[in-house]
N, C-alpha and C. Protein backbone atom coordinates (compact mmCIF):
# COMPACT_ATOMS: atom_id res chain seq x y z
N MET A 1 -1.40 24.23 94.15
CA MET A 1 -1.77 22.86 94.45
C MET A 1 -3.12 22.58 93.79
N ALA A 2 -3.20 21.51 93.04
CA ALA A 2 -4.42 21.15 92.32
C ALA A 2 -5.44 20.54 93.27
N TYR A 3 -6.72 20.68 92.91
CA TYR A 3 -7.81 20.11 93.70
C TYR A 3 -7.73 18.58 93.56
N ALA A 4 -7.64 17.88 94.68
CA ALA A 4 -7.48 16.43 94.67
C ALA A 4 -8.65 15.76 95.39
N VAL A 5 -9.00 14.56 94.91
CA VAL A 5 -10.06 13.74 95.50
C VAL A 5 -9.52 12.33 95.64
N THR A 6 -9.78 11.71 96.79
CA THR A 6 -9.41 10.31 96.99
C THR A 6 -10.69 9.49 96.92
N ASN A 7 -10.72 8.49 96.03
CA ASN A 7 -11.93 7.70 95.85
C ASN A 7 -12.02 6.60 96.90
N SER A 8 -13.07 5.79 96.82
CA SER A 8 -13.31 4.74 97.82
C SER A 8 -12.25 3.64 97.76
N LYS A 9 -11.51 3.55 96.67
CA LYS A 9 -10.45 2.54 96.53
C LYS A 9 -9.10 3.06 97.02
N GLY A 10 -9.07 4.33 97.48
CA GLY A 10 -7.84 4.91 97.99
C GLY A 10 -6.95 5.54 96.93
N GLN A 11 -7.45 5.71 95.71
CA GLN A 11 -6.67 6.30 94.63
C GLN A 11 -6.93 7.81 94.58
N GLU A 12 -5.88 8.59 94.34
CA GLU A 12 -6.00 10.03 94.31
C GLU A 12 -6.12 10.52 92.86
N TYR A 13 -7.08 11.42 92.63
CA TYR A 13 -7.32 12.00 91.32
C TYR A 13 -7.27 13.51 91.43
N PHE A 14 -6.79 14.17 90.36
CA PHE A 14 -6.66 15.62 90.31
C PHE A 14 -7.63 16.18 89.27
N LEU A 15 -8.26 17.31 89.60
CA LEU A 15 -9.23 17.94 88.72
C LEU A 15 -8.53 18.82 87.69
N HIS A 16 -8.95 18.68 86.43
CA HIS A 16 -8.40 19.46 85.32
C HIS A 16 -9.54 20.07 84.52
N GLY A 17 -9.24 21.12 83.79
CA GLY A 17 -10.22 21.75 82.93
C GLY A 17 -9.55 22.38 81.73
N LYS A 18 -10.27 22.39 80.61
CA LYS A 18 -9.74 23.05 79.41
C LYS A 18 -10.89 23.43 78.49
N MET A 19 -10.61 24.37 77.60
CA MET A 19 -11.57 24.80 76.59
C MET A 19 -11.38 23.93 75.35
N VAL A 20 -12.48 23.41 74.83
CA VAL A 20 -12.44 22.61 73.60
C VAL A 20 -13.35 23.27 72.58
N THR A 21 -13.07 23.02 71.30
CA THR A 21 -13.91 23.53 70.22
C THR A 21 -14.74 22.37 69.69
N LEU A 22 -16.05 22.54 69.72
CA LEU A 22 -16.97 21.51 69.22
C LEU A 22 -17.06 21.58 67.70
N ARG A 23 -17.70 20.60 67.09
CA ARG A 23 -17.77 20.53 65.63
C ARG A 23 -18.39 21.77 65.00
N GLY A 24 -19.38 22.35 65.62
CA GLY A 24 -20.03 23.53 65.07
C GLY A 24 -19.23 24.80 65.26
N GLY A 25 -18.06 24.72 65.88
CA GLY A 25 -17.22 25.88 66.11
C GLY A 25 -17.42 26.52 67.47
N ARG A 26 -18.41 26.02 68.23
CA ARG A 26 -18.68 26.58 69.55
C ARG A 26 -17.62 26.10 70.53
N LYS A 27 -17.19 26.98 71.42
CA LYS A 27 -16.21 26.62 72.44
C LYS A 27 -16.93 26.25 73.73
N GLN A 28 -16.41 25.25 74.43
CA GLN A 28 -17.03 24.80 75.68
C GLN A 28 -15.95 24.38 76.67
N GLN A 29 -16.15 24.73 77.93
CA GLN A 29 -15.24 24.34 79.01
C GLN A 29 -15.58 22.91 79.43
N ILE A 30 -14.57 22.05 79.51
CA ILE A 30 -14.78 20.70 80.01
C ILE A 30 -13.93 20.49 81.26
N TYR A 31 -14.37 19.58 82.11
CA TYR A 31 -13.66 19.23 83.34
C TYR A 31 -13.45 17.73 83.35
N TYR A 32 -12.29 17.28 83.86
CA TYR A 32 -12.02 15.85 83.96
C TYR A 32 -11.05 15.59 85.10
N PHE A 33 -11.03 14.35 85.57
CA PHE A 33 -10.11 13.93 86.62
C PHE A 33 -9.04 13.04 86.02
N ALA A 34 -7.81 13.17 86.51
CA ALA A 34 -6.69 12.35 86.05
C ALA A 34 -5.86 11.94 87.25
N ARG A 35 -5.16 10.83 87.13
CA ARG A 35 -4.33 10.32 88.23
C ARG A 35 -3.10 11.17 88.45
N GLU A 36 -2.58 11.83 87.39
CA GLU A 36 -1.40 12.68 87.51
C GLU A 36 -1.83 14.14 87.40
N GLU A 37 -1.08 15.01 88.06
CA GLU A 37 -1.33 16.45 87.98
C GLU A 37 -0.65 17.00 86.73
N LYS A 38 -1.43 17.62 85.85
CA LYS A 38 -0.91 18.15 84.59
C LYS A 38 -0.94 19.68 84.61
N ALA A 39 -0.54 20.29 83.51
CA ALA A 39 -0.44 21.75 83.44
C ALA A 39 -1.80 22.44 83.54
N ASP A 40 -2.88 21.79 83.11
CA ASP A 40 -4.20 22.42 83.13
C ASP A 40 -5.01 22.05 84.38
N ALA A 41 -4.32 21.71 85.47
CA ALA A 41 -4.98 21.36 86.73
C ALA A 41 -5.63 22.59 87.35
N LEU A 42 -6.77 22.38 88.01
CA LEU A 42 -7.51 23.47 88.65
C LEU A 42 -7.28 23.43 90.16
N ASP A 43 -7.28 24.61 90.77
CA ASP A 43 -7.04 24.72 92.21
C ASP A 43 -8.29 24.49 93.05
N ALA A 44 -9.48 24.66 92.46
CA ALA A 44 -10.72 24.54 93.22
C ALA A 44 -11.83 24.02 92.32
N LEU A 45 -12.90 23.57 92.96
CA LEU A 45 -14.09 23.14 92.21
C LEU A 45 -14.73 24.34 91.54
N PRO A 46 -15.25 24.18 90.32
CA PRO A 46 -16.00 25.27 89.70
C PRO A 46 -17.30 25.52 90.48
N ASP A 47 -17.78 26.76 90.47
CA ASP A 47 -19.01 27.10 91.17
C ASP A 47 -20.18 26.29 90.64
N GLY A 48 -20.99 25.76 91.56
CA GLY A 48 -22.19 25.04 91.18
C GLY A 48 -21.98 23.56 90.90
N TYR A 49 -20.79 23.02 91.14
CA TYR A 49 -20.51 21.61 90.89
C TYR A 49 -20.20 20.88 92.19
N ILE A 50 -20.51 19.58 92.23
CA ILE A 50 -20.13 18.72 93.33
C ILE A 50 -19.44 17.48 92.76
N VAL A 51 -18.66 16.80 93.58
CA VAL A 51 -17.94 15.60 93.14
C VAL A 51 -18.76 14.37 93.51
N THR A 52 -18.97 13.49 92.54
CA THR A 52 -19.60 12.20 92.77
C THR A 52 -18.63 11.12 92.31
N GLU A 53 -18.97 9.87 92.57
CA GLU A 53 -18.09 8.77 92.19
C GLU A 53 -18.89 7.69 91.48
N ASN A 54 -18.33 7.17 90.39
CA ASN A 54 -18.94 6.06 89.69
C ASN A 54 -18.81 4.83 90.58
N LYS A 55 -19.92 4.22 90.95
CA LYS A 55 -19.89 3.11 91.91
C LYS A 55 -19.14 1.89 91.38
N ARG A 56 -19.20 1.66 90.07
CA ARG A 56 -18.56 0.47 89.49
C ARG A 56 -17.05 0.65 89.33
N THR A 57 -16.63 1.81 88.80
CA THR A 57 -15.21 2.01 88.49
C THR A 57 -14.45 2.80 89.54
N GLY A 58 -15.18 3.57 90.37
CA GLY A 58 -14.52 4.40 91.37
C GLY A 58 -14.01 5.72 90.82
N LEU A 59 -14.27 6.02 89.54
CA LEU A 59 -13.80 7.25 88.94
C LEU A 59 -14.63 8.44 89.41
N PRO A 60 -13.98 9.49 89.91
CA PRO A 60 -14.73 10.68 90.33
C PRO A 60 -15.25 11.45 89.13
N MET A 61 -16.41 12.10 89.32
CA MET A 61 -17.03 12.89 88.25
C MET A 61 -17.59 14.16 88.85
N LEU A 62 -17.74 15.20 88.03
CA LEU A 62 -18.37 16.43 88.47
C LEU A 62 -19.84 16.37 88.08
N LYS A 63 -20.67 16.90 88.96
CA LYS A 63 -22.11 16.94 88.73
C LYS A 63 -22.60 18.32 89.15
N LYS A 64 -23.47 18.90 88.31
CA LYS A 64 -24.05 20.19 88.69
C LYS A 64 -24.97 19.95 89.86
N GLY A 65 -24.79 20.77 90.89
CA GLY A 65 -25.60 20.52 92.07
C GLY A 65 -25.99 21.70 92.80
């Protein structure tokens, strides 16, 4: 079961993560929220992160905390 967050508008978002390659060739882990659960969904929050919400759009975001 993927980690899910319900925002202030009542919409449910699922946490996802994947490795991307930056222009310089360096690899970096990214995290994002999506309305649908996909194959790269995560089961828990990464260590050291908290969930915040964009006040204007209601989109959840991860913040180091």
